[in-house]
């Protein structure tokens, strides 16, 4: 789900006339690790895009002191790589 906002005068003191707020909720659905892929929820766009929601993943980037399994790290890696891109 997403909400697109258009502001002809620009938004965030930048020259963007458009921004998007998106919401995603993923849950484990075997055999895939998640019900929504990083490519589906973290779109590559040329305007500001805020994504919120629940991915139900664990990664050391969000909790450096937590001990994670290899499975948790590998299942979350593609989401964090995509978001940082």
PDB file of N, CA and C in Angstrom:
ATOM      1  N   UNK A   1       0.847  -1.151   0.000  1.00  0.00           N
ATOM      2  CA  UNK A   1       0.000   0.000   0.000  1.00  0.00           C
ATOM      3  C   UNK A   1       0.904   1.230   0.000  1.00  0.00           C
ATOM      4  N   UNK A   2       0.505   2.260  -0.716  1.00  0.00           N
ATOM      5  CA  UNK A   2       1.309   3.486  -0.775  1.00  0.00           C
ATOM      6  C   UNK A   2       0.405   4.703  -0.894  1.00  0.00           C
ATOM      7  N   UNK A   3       0.910   5.794  -0.391  1.00  0.00           N
ATOM      8  CA  UNK A   3       0.240   7.083  -0.501  1.00  0.00           C
ATOM      9  C   UNK A   3       1.186   8.018  -1.238  1.00  0.00           C
ATOM     10  N   UNK A   4       0.763   8.542  -2.373  1.00  0.00           N
ATOM     11  CA  UNK A   4       1.556   9.507  -3.124  1.00  0.00           C
ATOM     12  C   UNK A   4       1.047  10.904  -2.833  1.00  0.00           C
ATOM     13  N   UNK A   5       1.965  11.799  -2.537  1.00  0.00           N
ATOM     14  CA  UNK A   5       1.612  13.200  -2.273  1.00  0.00           C
ATOM     15  C   UNK A   5       2.313  14.075  -3.304  1.00  0.00           C
ATOM     16  N   UNK A   6       1.588  15.004  -3.858  1.00  0.00           N
ATOM     17  CA  UNK A   6       2.121  15.910  -4.864  1.00  0.00           C
ATOM     18  C   UNK A   6       2.075  17.330  -4.311  1.00  0.00           C
ATOM     19  N   UNK A   7       3.187  18.026  -4.426  1.00  0.00           N
ATOM     20  CA  UNK A   7       3.290  19.397  -3.945  1.00  0.00           C
ATOM     21  C   UNK A   7       3.957  20.221  -5.037  1.00  0.00           C
ATOM     22  N   UNK A   8       3.187  20.977  -5.812  1.00  0.00           N
ATOM     23  CA  UNK A   8       3.727  21.722  -6.953  1.00  0.00           C
ATOM     24  C   UNK A   8       4.883  22.660  -6.581  1.00  0.00           C
ATOM     25  N   UNK A   9       4.895  23.184  -5.368  1.00  0.00           N
ATOM     26  CA  UNK A   9       5.962  24.102  -4.952  1.00  0.00           C
ATOM     27  C   UNK A   9       7.205  23.367  -4.454  1.00  0.00           C
ATOM     28  N   UNK A  10       7.170  22.049  -4.439  1.00  0.00           N
ATOM     29  CA  UNK A  10       8.289  21.267  -3.931  1.00  0.00           C
ATOM     30  C   UNK A  10       8.038  20.864  -2.487  1.00  0.00           C
ATOM     31  N   UNK A  11       8.724  19.826  -2.064  1.00  0.00           N
ATOM     32  CA  UNK A  11       8.562  19.360  -0.695  1.00  0.00           C
ATOM     33  C   UNK A  11       9.919  19.135  -0.051  1.00  0.00           C
ATOM     34  N   UNK A  12       9.950  19.238   1.242  1.00  0.00           N
ATOM     35  CA  UNK A  12      11.161  19.037   2.030  1.00  0.00           C
ATOM     36  C   UNK A  12      12.259  20.025   1.649  1.00  0.00           C
ATOM     37  N   UNK A  13      11.864  21.214   1.221  1.00  0.00           N
ATOM     38  CA  UNK A  13      12.809  22.257   0.797  1.00  0.00           C
ATOM     39  C   UNK A  13      13.714  21.773  -0.335  1.00  0.00           C
ATOM     40  N   UNK A  14      13.210  20.843  -1.134  1.00  0.00           N
ATOM     41  CA  UNK A  14      13.948  20.312  -2.272  1.00  0.00           C
ATOM     42  C   UNK A  14      13.083  20.473  -3.519  1.00  0.00           C
ATOM     43  N   UNK A  15      13.633  20.136  -4.658  1.00  0.00           N
ATOM     44  CA  UNK A  15      12.902  20.277  -5.917  1.00  0.00           C
ATOM     45  C   UNK A  15      12.081  19.045  -6.270  1.00  0.00           C
ATOM     46  N   UNK A  16      11.603  18.343  -5.273  1.00  0.00           N
ATOM     47  CA  UNK A  16      10.750  17.192  -5.518  1.00  0.00           C
ATOM     48  C   UNK A  16       9.304  17.629  -5.387  1.00  0.00           C
ATOM     49  N   UNK A  17       8.524  17.437  -6.427  1.00  0.00           N
ATOM     50  CA  UNK A  17       7.116  17.786  -6.357  1.00  0.00           C
ATOM     51  C   UNK A  17       6.268  16.596  -5.922  1.00  0.00           C
ATOM     52  N   UNK A  18       6.913  15.493  -5.617  1.00  0.00           N
ATOM     53  CA  UNK A  18       6.208  14.252  -5.335  1.00  0.00           C
ATOM     54  C   UNK A  18       6.986  13.482  -4.276  1.00  0.00           C
ATOM     55  N   UNK A  19       6.287  12.872  -3.348  1.00  0.00           N
ATOM     56  CA  UNK A  19       6.903  11.907  -2.451  1.00  0.00           C
ATOM     57  C   UNK A  19       5.909  10.807  -2.146  1.00  0.00           C
ATOM     58  N   UNK A  20       6.416   9.687  -1.648  1.00  0.00           N
ATOM     59  CA  UNK A  20       5.580   8.509  -1.401  1.00  0.00           C
ATOM     60  C   UNK A  20       5.857   7.972  -0.009  1.00  0.00           C
ATOM     61  N   UNK A  21       4.776   7.552   0.635  1.00  0.00           N
ATOM     62  CA  UNK A  21       4.869   6.827   1.889  1.00  0.00           C
ATOM     63  C   UNK A  21       4.282   5.452   1.624  1.00  0.00           C
ATOM     64  N   UNK A  22       5.080   4.430   1.853  1.00  0.00           N
ATOM     65  CA  UNK A  22       4.631   3.069   1.581  1.00  0.00           C
ATOM     66  C   UNK A  22       4.552   2.248   2.855  1.00  0.00           C
ATOM     67  N   UNK A  23       3.727   1.228   2.829  1.00  0.00           N
ATOM     68  CA  UNK A  23       3.568   0.330   3.961  1.00  0.00           C
ATOM     69  C   UNK A  23       3.647  -1.103   3.445  1.00  0.00           C
ATOM     70  N   UNK A  24       4.454  -1.894   4.102  1.00  0.00           N
ATOM     71  CA  UNK A  24       4.587  -3.300   3.731  1.00  0.00           C
ATOM     72  C   UNK A  24       4.507  -4.156   4.984  1.00  0.00           C
ATOM     73  N   UNK A  25       3.950  -5.301   4.841  1.00  0.00           N
ATOM     74  CA  UNK A  25       3.919  -6.263   5.928  1.00  0.00           C
ATOM     75  C   UNK A  25       4.260  -7.622   5.336  1.00  0.00           C
ATOM     76  N   UNK A  26       5.314  -8.220   5.833  1.00  0.00           N
ATOM     77  CA  UNK A  26       5.746  -9.521   5.326  1.00  0.00           C
ATOM     78  C   UNK A  26       5.652 -10.548   6.447  1.00  0.00           C
ATOM     79  N   UNK A  27       5.348 -11.748   6.058  1.00  0.00           N
ATOM     80  CA  UNK A  27       5.336 -12.841   7.012  1.00  0.00           C
ATOM     81  C   UNK A  27       5.921 -14.078   6.343  1.00  0.00           C
ATOM     82  N   UNK A  28       6.485 -14.965   7.126  1.00  0.00           N
ATOM     83  CA  UNK A  28       7.055 -16.183   6.543  1.00  0.00           C
ATOM     84  C   UNK A  28       5.988 -17.031   5.869  1.00  0.00           C
ATOM     85  N   UNK A  29       6.260 -17.415   4.635  1.00  0.00           N
ATOM     86  CA  UNK A  29       5.373 -18.312   3.895  1.00  0.00           C
ATOM     87  C   UNK A  29       6.225 -19.383   3.213  1.00  0.00           C
ATOM     88  N   UNK A  30       6.443 -20.506   3.871  1.00  0.00           N
ATOM     89  CA  UNK A  30       7.284 -21.536   3.276  1.00  0.00           C
ATOM     90  C   UNK A  30       6.770 -21.931   1.892  1.00  0.00           C
ATOM     91  N   UNK A  31       7.627 -22.213   0.930  1.00  0.00           N
ATOM     92  CA  UNK A  31       9.061 -22.382   1.066  1.00  0.00           C
ATOM     93  C   UNK A  31       9.854 -21.073   1.001  1.00  0.00           C
ATOM     94  N   UNK A  32       9.230 -19.957   0.619  1.00  0.00           N
ATOM     95  CA  UNK A  32       9.953 -18.678   0.569  1.00  0.00           C
ATOM     96  C   UNK A  32      10.123 -18.150   1.989  1.00  0.00           C
ATOM     97  N   UNK A  33      11.247 -17.446   2.249  1.00  0.00           N
ATOM     98  CA  UNK A  33      11.442 -16.916   3.602  1.00  0.00           C
ATOM     99  C   UNK A  33      10.437 -15.824   3.969  1.00  0.00           C
ATOM    100  N   UNK A  34       9.949 -15.042   2.988  1.00  0.00           N
ATOM    101  CA  UNK A  34       9.024 -13.951   3.271  1.00  0.00           C
ATOM    102  C   UNK A  34       7.931 -13.897   2.201  1.00  0.00           C
ATOM    103  N   UNK A  35       6.796 -13.320   2.562  1.00  0.00           N
ATOM    104  CA  UNK A  35       5.664 -13.223   1.644  1.00  0.00           C
ATOM    105  C   UNK A  35       5.798 -12.058   0.665  1.00  0.00           C
ATOM    106  N   UNK A  36       6.710 -11.138   0.919  1.00  0.00           N
ATOM    107  CA  UNK A  36       6.919  -9.999   0.019  1.00  0.00           C
ATOM    108  C   UNK A  36       8.419  -9.826  -0.202  1.00  0.00           C
ATOM    109  N   UNK A  37       8.804  -9.660  -1.435  1.00  0.00           N
ATOM    110  CA  UNK A  37      10.234  -9.563  -1.760  1.00  0.00           C
ATOM    111  C   UNK A  37      10.744  -8.142  -1.541  1.00  0.00           C
ATOM    112  N   UNK A  38      12.061  -7.978  -1.390  1.00  0.00           N
ATOM    113  CA  UNK A  38      12.617  -6.632  -1.268  1.00  0.00           C
ATOM    114  C   UNK A  38      12.324  -5.785  -2.506  1.00  0.00           C
ATOM    115  N   UNK A  39      12.342  -6.400  -3.688  1.00  0.00           N
ATOM    116  CA  UNK A  39      12.084  -5.666  -4.928  1.00  0.00           C
ATOM    117  C   UNK A  39      10.651  -5.153  -5.000  1.00  0.00           C
ATOM    118  N   UNK A  40       9.705  -5.877  -4.409  1.00  0.00           N
ATOM    119  CA  UNK A  40       8.301  -5.461  -4.428  1.00  0.00           C
ATOM    120  C   UNK A  40       8.009  -4.329  -3.460  1.00  0.00           C
ATOM    121  N   UNK A  41       8.662  -4.345  -2.318  1.00  0.00           N
ATOM    122  CA  UNK A  41       8.335  -3.364  -1.289  1.00  0.00           C
ATOM    123  C   UNK A  41       9.293  -2.179  -1.237  1.00  0.00           C
ATOM    124  N   UNK A  42      10.499  -2.353  -1.735  1.00  0.00           N
ATOM    125  CA  UNK A  42      11.509  -1.289  -1.704  1.00  0.00           C
ATOM    126  C   UNK A  42      11.822  -0.880  -3.137  1.00  0.00           C
ATOM    127  N   UNK A  43      10.917  -0.133  -3.719  1.00  0.00           N
ATOM    128  CA  UNK A  43      11.024   0.243  -5.124  1.00  0.00           C
ATOM    129  C   UNK A  43      12.142   1.252  -5.356  1.00  0.00           C
ATOM    130  N   UNK A  44      12.763   1.170  -6.513  1.00  0.00           N
ATOM    131  CA  UNK A  44      13.753   2.170  -6.914  1.00  0.00           C
ATOM    132  C   UNK A  44      13.009   3.306  -7.594  1.00  0.00           C
ATOM    133  N   UNK A  45      12.997   4.467  -6.960  1.00  0.00           N
ATOM    134  CA  UNK A  45      12.301   5.629  -7.494  1.00  0.00           C
ATOM    135  C   UNK A  45      13.226   6.837  -7.433  1.00  0.00           C
ATOM    136  N   UNK A  46      12.884   7.883  -8.169  1.00  0.00           N
ATOM    137  CA  UNK A  46      13.736   9.079  -8.204  1.00  0.00           C
ATOM    138  C   UNK A  46      13.141  10.237  -7.404  1.00  0.00           C
ATOM    139  N   UNK A  47      12.383   9.914  -6.379  1.00  0.00           N
ATOM    140  CA  UNK A  47      11.801  10.908  -5.488  1.00  0.00           C
ATOM    141  C   UNK A  47      11.845  10.337  -4.066  1.00  0.00           C
ATOM    142  N   UNK A  48      11.654  11.165  -3.042  1.00  0.00           N
ATOM    143  CA  UNK A  48      11.677  10.652  -1.670  1.00  0.00           C
ATOM    144  C   UNK A  48      10.605   9.582  -1.447  1.00  0.00           C
ATOM    145  N   UNK A  49      10.998   8.527  -0.764  1.00  0.00           N
ATOM    146  CA  UNK A  49      10.120   7.382  -0.548  1.00  0.00           C
ATOM    147  C   UNK A  49      10.394   6.824   0.838  1.00  0.00           C
ATOM    148  N   UNK A  50       9.429   6.891   1.716  1.00  0.00           N
ATOM    149  CA  UNK A  50       9.531   6.357   3.065  1.00  0.00           C
ATOM    150  C   UNK A  50       8.735   5.069   3.130  1.00  0.00           C
ATOM    151  N   UNK A  51       9.393   3.991   3.531  1.00  0.00           N
ATOM    152  CA  UNK A  51       8.731   2.704   3.645  1.00  0.00           C
ATOM    153  C   UNK A  51       8.650   2.333   5.123  1.00  0.00           C
ATOM    154  N   UNK A  52       7.466   2.000   5.560  1.00  0.00           N
ATOM    155  CA  UNK A  52       7.253   1.559   6.937  1.00  0.00           C
ATOM    156  C   UNK A  52       6.523   0.227   6.904  1.00  0.00           C
ATOM    157  N   UNK A  53       6.550  -0.469   7.997  1.00  0.00           N
ATOM    158  CA  UNK A  53       5.815  -1.717   8.056  1.00  0.00           C
ATOM    159  C   UNK A  53       6.536  -2.752   8.870  1.00  0.00           C
ATOM    160  N   UNK A  54       6.079  -3.945   8.762  1.00  0.00           N
ATOM    161  CA  UNK A  54       6.667  -5.059   9.497  1.00  0.00           C
ATOM    162  C   UNK A  54       7.192  -6.104   8.541  1.00  0.00           C
ATOM    163  N   UNK A  55       8.484  -6.318   8.583  1.00  0.00           N
ATOM    164  CA  UNK A  55       9.086  -7.325   7.710  1.00  0.00           C
ATOM    165  C   UNK A  55       9.358  -8.631   8.452  1.00  0.00           C
ATOM    166  N   UNK A  56       9.284  -8.586   9.771  1.00  0.00           N
ATOM    167  CA  UNK A  56       9.535  -9.779  10.579  1.00  0.00           C
ATOM    168  C   UNK A  56      10.859 -10.434  10.222  1.00  0.00           C
ATOM    169  N   UNK A  57      11.898  -9.606  10.142  1.00  0.00           N
ATOM    170  CA  UNK A  57      13.252 -10.086   9.884  1.00  0.00           C
ATOM    171  C   UNK A  57      14.180  -9.557  10.970  1.00  0.00           C
ATOM    172  N   UNK A  58      15.300 -10.225  11.143  1.00  0.00           N
ATOM    173  CA  UNK A  58      16.297  -9.822  12.133  1.00  0.00           C
ATOM    174  C   UNK A  58      17.600  -9.552  11.411  1.00  0.00           C
ATOM    175  N   UNK A  59      18.283  -8.476  11.808  1.00  0.00           N
ATOM    176  CA  UNK A  59      19.556  -8.130  11.186  1.00  0.00           C
ATOM    177  C   UNK A  59      20.405  -7.380  12.204  1.00  0.00           C
ATOM    178  N   UNK A  60      21.701  -7.565  12.126  1.00  0.00           N
ATOM    179  CA  UNK A  60      22.600  -6.908  13.070  1.00  0.00           C
ATOM    180  C   UNK A  60      22.601  -5.389  12.899  1.00  0.00           C
ATOM    181  N   UNK A  61      22.150  -4.876  11.761  1.00  0.00           N
ATOM    182  CA  UNK A  61      22.077  -3.427  11.561  1.00  0.00           C
ATOM    183  C   UNK A  61      21.044  -2.790  12.482  1.00  0.00           C
ATOM    184  N   UNK A  62      20.009  -3.516  12.831  1.00  0.00           N
ATOM    185  CA  UNK A  62      18.957  -2.964  13.686  1.00  0.00           C
ATOM    186  C   UNK A  62      19.159  -3.284  15.159  1.00  0.00           C
ATOM    187  N   UNK A  63      19.947  -4.304  15.450  1.00  0.00           N
ATOM    188  CA  UNK A  63      20.203  -4.681  16.840  1.00  0.00           C
ATOM    189  C   UNK A  63      21.594  -5.304  16.933  1.00  0.00           C
ATOM    190  N   UNK A  64      22.642  -4.454  16.995  1.00  0.00           N
ATOM    191  CA  UNK A  64      24.016  -4.960  16.965  1.00  0.00           C
ATOM    192  C   UNK A  64      24.380  -5.893  18.118  1.00  0.00           C
ATOM    193  N   UNK A  65      23.695  -5.797  19.231  1.00  0.00           N
ATOM    194  CA  UNK A  65      24.054  -6.637  20.377  1.00  0.00           C
ATOM    195  C   UNK A  65      23.354  -7.996  20.367  1.00  0.00           C
ATOM    196  N   UNK A  66      22.429  -8.195  19.452  1.00  0.00           N
ATOM    197  CA  UNK A  66      21.692  -9.454  19.392  1.00  0.00           C
ATOM    198  C   UNK A  66      22.491 -10.505  18.624  1.00  0.00           C
ATOM    199  N   UNK A  67      22.510 -11.716  19.148  1.00  0.00           N
ATOM    200  CA  UNK A  67      23.152 -12.823  18.448  1.00  0.00           C
ATOM    201  C   UNK A  67      22.145 -13.419  17.468  1.00  0.00           C
ATOM    202  N   UNK A  68      22.534 -13.420  16.211  1.00  0.00           N
ATOM    203  CA  UNK A  68      21.640 -13.905  15.158  1.00  0.00           C
ATOM    204  C   UNK A  68      22.171 -15.191  14.552  1.00  0.00           C
ATOM    205  N   UNK A  69      21.257 -16.000  14.087  1.00  0.00           N
ATOM    206  CA  UNK A  69      21.653 -17.217  13.393  1.00  0.00           C
ATOM    207  C   UNK A  69      22.054 -16.868  11.960  1.00  0.00           C
ATOM    208  N   UNK A  70      22.744 -17.776  11.324  1.00  0.00           N
ATOM    209  CA  UNK A  70      23.110 -17.594   9.920  1.00  0.00           C
ATOM    210  C   UNK A  70      21.849 -17.441   9.072  1.00  0.00           C
ATOM    211  N   UNK A  71      20.816 -18.218   9.386  1.00  0.00           N
ATOM    212  CA  UNK A  71      19.553 -18.157   8.643  1.00  0.00           C
ATOM    213  C   UNK A  71      18.921 -16.771   8.758  1.00  0.00           C
ATOM    214  N   UNK A  72      18.884 -16.201   9.961  1.00  0.00           N
ATOM    215  CA  UNK A  72      18.300 -14.869  10.151  1.00  0.00           C
ATOM    216  C   UNK A  72      19.072 -13.817   9.364  1.00  0.00           C
ATOM    217  N   UNK A  73      20.394 -13.869   9.439  1.00  0.00           N
ATOM    218  CA  UNK A  73      21.226 -12.901   8.707  1.00  0.00           C
ATOM    219  C   UNK A  73      21.038 -13.040   7.203  1.00  0.00           C
ATOM    220  N   UNK A  74      21.039 -14.265   6.698  1.00  0.00           N
ATOM    221  CA  UNK A  74      20.934 -14.457   5.248  1.00  0.00           C
ATOM    222  C   UNK A  74      19.544 -14.085   4.726  1.00  0.00           C
ATOM    223  N   UNK A  75      18.485 -14.352   5.485  1.00  0.00           N
ATOM    224  CA  UNK A  75      17.140 -14.005   5.038  1.00  0.00           C
ATOM    225  C   UNK A  75      16.899 -12.497   5.049  1.00  0.00           C
ATOM    226  N   UNK A  76      17.580 -11.768   5.910  1.00  0.00           N
ATOM    227  CA  UNK A  76      17.373 -10.317   6.000  1.00  0.00           C
ATOM    228  C   UNK A  76      18.332  -9.522   5.112  1.00  0.00           C
ATOM    229  N   UNK A  77      19.418 -10.109   4.692  1.00  0.00           N
ATOM    230  CA  UNK A  77      20.465  -9.384   3.958  1.00  0.00           C
ATOM    231  C   UNK A  77      19.937  -8.672   2.711  1.00  0.00           C
ATOM    232  N   UNK A  78      19.118  -9.327   1.918  1.00  0.00           N
ATOM    233  CA  UNK A  78      18.646  -8.712   0.671  1.00  0.00           C
ATOM    234  C   UNK A  78      17.768  -7.484   0.932  1.00  0.00           C
ATOM    235  N   UNK A  79      17.027  -7.485   2.030  1.00  0.00           N
ATOM    236  CA  UNK A  79      16.196  -6.323   2.375  1.00  0.00           C
ATOM    237  C   UNK A  79      17.066  -5.133   2.769  1.00  0.00           C
ATOM    238  N   UNK A  80      18.085  -5.381   3.576  1.00  0.00           N
ATOM    239  CA  UNK A  80      18.949  -4.302   4.023  1.00  0.00           C
ATOM    240  C   UNK A  80      19.842  -3.774   2.890  1.00  0.00           C
ATOM    241  N   UNK A  81      20.286  -4.671   2.015  1.00  0.00           N
ATOM    242  CA  UNK A  81      21.067  -4.234   0.850  1.00  0.00           C
ATOM    243  C   UNK A  81      20.205  -3.369  -0.076  1.00  0.00           C
ATOM    244  N   UNK A  82      19.003  -3.799  -0.326  1.00  0.00           N
ATOM    245  CA  UNK A  82      18.096  -3.056  -1.207  1.00  0.00           C
ATOM    246  C   UNK A  82      17.757  -1.679  -0.603  1.00  0.00           C
ATOM    247  N   UNK A  83      17.468  -1.653   0.689  1.00  0.00           N
ATOM    248  CA  UNK A  83      17.128  -0.388   1.358  1.00  0.00           C
ATOM    249  C   UNK A  83      18.308   0.570   1.357  1.00  0.00           C
ATOM    250  N   UNK A  84      19.510   0.074   1.530  1.00  0.00           N
ATOM    251  CA  UNK A  84      20.672   0.964   1.543  1.00  0.00           C
ATOM    252  C   UNK A  84      21.026   1.482   0.148  1.00  0.00           C
ATOM    253  N   UNK A  85      20.640   0.733  -0.900  1.00  0.00           N
ATOM    254  CA  UNK A  85      20.854   1.206  -2.269  1.00  0.00           C
ATOM    255  C   UNK A  85      19.982   2.418  -2.527  1.00  0.00           C
TER     256      UNK A  85
END
